[in-house]
């Protein structure tokens, strides 16, 4: 499933540069993740890089966008 940034986001910009799919963008007032581009780093890394670097621990699974690992890999391949 895609990830979502919750309201605890401090807009620190730690997550945006580490996203291999350019799925993270500056929002108002918090950053946002484009579910059509988020693969939870499947295909690029072993775990979601944004979650690793987020000092506010504000990135969660997005219950509105549930996907299997196979679907995430297919999405990654279509993006690259």
Foldseek 3Di string as FASTA:
>chain_A
DFKWFDPLAPQPPQQQVVDPQNQWDCDVVHITGNLLRGLQCLVHDPGRPSCVRGPSNGMGHDPVDDDDNVVSNVSNVVSD
